Amino acid sequence: MIVTTASILDGKKIVGYYGIVCGEAILGTNIFRDFFASIRDIVGGRSGAYEQSLREARETAMNEMIQAARDLGANAVIGVDLDYESIGIGDGGNMLMVSASGTAVEYEE
């Protein structure tokens, strides 16, 4: 499956548009990871735990979007957009949300 942020597929003819497909992933963060991430923010450096969580969330969202496109009979997703959000919840915790969306299409060589 071709997945691209471009709105066209260079050298390929799009023969069918199946509509917008989406995938979402929401991951909870835990108190220890939050604590160590806040220390990193103070002293500088990268937060490996958060980076790993974001990677996992992005992969999950992308895989869900791709599966939604396959379910429609598409063989590509164009115009892909990724959005990242941090969602605060009532008890002071945070959730990481990644959403992926694009247009499911069918192309021929």
Protein backbone atom coordinates (compact mmCIF):
# COMPACT_ATOMS: atom_id res chain seq x y z
CA MET A 1 0.00 0.00 0.00
CA ILE A 2 1.36 3.40 -0.97
CA VAL A 3 0.93 5.99 1.79
CA THR A 4 1.94 9.57 1.06
CA THR A 5 1.37 13.14 2.14
CA ALA A 6 1.26 14.15 -1.53
CA SER A 7 -2.11 14.68 -3.20
CA ILE A 8 -1.07 12.82 -6.36
CA LEU A 9 0.81 9.64 -7.18
CA ASP A 10 3.57 10.52 -9.62
CA GLY A 11 3.51 8.24 -12.67
CA LYS A 12 0.32 6.47 -11.60
CA LYS A 13 -3.27 7.03 -12.64
CA ILE A 14 -5.84 7.30 -9.84
CA VAL A 15 -8.92 5.40 -11.00
CA GLY A 16 -11.05 5.51 -7.87
CA TYR A 17 -11.57 7.67 -4.81
CA TYR A 18 -13.01 5.93 -1.76
CA GLY A 19 -13.17 8.82 0.69
CA ILE A 20 -11.45 9.87 3.87
CA VAL A 21 -9.97 7.19 6.11
CA CYS A 22 -8.74 7.75 9.65
CA GLY A 23 -6.89 6.01 12.41
CA GLU A 24 -6.46 7.10 16.00
CA ALA A 25 -4.35 6.02 18.92
CA ILE A 26 -4.57 7.27 22.48
CA LEU A 27 -1.90 6.17 24.91
CA GLY A 28 -1.85 6.86 28.61
CA THR A 29 1.30 8.10 30.23
CA ASN A 30 2.25 6.94 33.66
CA ILE A 31 3.45 8.85 36.70
CA PHE A 32 7.04 7.59 36.52
CA ARG A 33 7.47 8.43 32.85
CA ASP A 34 5.88 11.86 33.48
CA PHE A 35 8.22 12.44 36.43
CA PHE A 36 11.38 11.56 34.51
CA ALA A 37 10.22 13.51 31.48
CA SER A 38 9.74 16.61 33.64
CA ILE A 39 13.29 16.19 35.00
CA ARG A 40 14.58 15.99 31.43
CA ASP A 41 12.66 19.16 30.62
CA ILE A 42 14.39 20.96 33.48
CA VAL A 43 17.95 19.76 32.81
CA GLY A 44 17.61 19.45 29.05
CA GLY A 45 17.83 16.48 26.77
CA ARG A 46 15.35 14.26 25.07
CA SER A 47 12.68 12.17 26.71
CA GLY A 48 13.15 8.70 25.28
CA ALA A 49 10.05 7.32 27.01
CA TYR A 50 7.80 9.95 25.42
CA GLU A 51 9.47 9.57 22.04
CA GLN A 52 8.83 5.81 22.15
CA SER A 53 5.19 6.39 23.13
CA LEU A 54 4.73 8.81 20.24
CA ARG A 55 6.30 6.33 17.80
CA GLU A 56 3.97 3.56 18.99
CA ALA A 57 0.93 5.83 18.78
CA ARG A 58 1.86 7.01 15.27
CA GLU A 59 2.37 3.44 14.04
CA THR A 60 -0.97 2.36 15.52
CA ALA A 61 -2.84 5.30 13.98
CA MET A 62 -1.20 4.74 10.57
CA ASN A 63 -1.94 1.00 10.65
CA GLU A 64 -5.60 1.66 11.50
CA MET A 65 -5.86 4.17 8.64
CA ILE A 66 -4.25 1.72 6.20
CA GLN A 67 -6.59 -1.08 7.30
CA ALA A 68 -9.59 1.21 6.81
CA ALA A 69 -8.37 1.94 3.27
CA ARG A 70 -7.88 -1.78 2.55
CA ASP A 71 -11.39 -2.49 3.84
CA LEU A 72 -12.71 -0.07 1.19
CA GLY A 73 -10.71 -1.75 -1.59
CA ALA A 74 -8.08 0.99 -1.92
CA ASN A 75 -4.44 0.34 -2.71
CA ALA A 76 -3.09 3.76 -1.65
CA VAL A 77 -3.76 6.60 0.77
CA ILE A 78 -2.91 10.11 -0.38
CA GLY A 79 -2.92 13.49 1.36
CA VAL A 80 -1.99 11.92 4.70
CA ASP A 81 -1.99 14.23 7.71
CA LEU A 82 -0.73 13.34 11.18
CA ASP A 83 -1.90 15.26 14.24
CA TYR A 84 -0.46 14.99 17.75
CA GLU A 85 -2.25 16.12 20.90
CA SER A 86 -1.71 15.90 24.62
CA ILE A 87 -4.99 15.46 26.44
CA GLY A 88 -5.15 16.34 30.12
CA ILE A 89 -7.53 14.29 32.20
CA GLY A 90 -9.23 15.20 35.46
CA ASP A 91 -6.80 13.61 37.92
CA GLY A 92 -3.80 15.47 36.53
CA GLY A 93 -2.70 12.69 34.18
CA ASN A 94 -2.09 12.99 30.48
CA MET A 95 -2.99 11.00 27.43
CA LEU A 96 -1.11 11.16 24.14
CA MET A 97 -3.29 11.16 21.03
CA VAL A 98 -2.17 10.69 17.46
CA SER A 99 -4.58 10.77 14.56
CA ALA A 100 -3.83 9.93 10.95
CA SER A 101 -6.16 10.78 8.08
CA GLY A 102 -5.98 10.70 4.32
CA THR A 103 -7.90 9.88 1.16
CA ALA A 104 -8.20 6.22 0.19
CA VAL A 105 -7.70 5.75 -3.56
CA GLU A 106 -7.18 3.06 -6.14
CA TYR A 107 -4.45 3.52 -8.70
CA GLU A 108 -3.18 1.60 -11.68
CA GLU A 109 0.32 1.61 -13.12
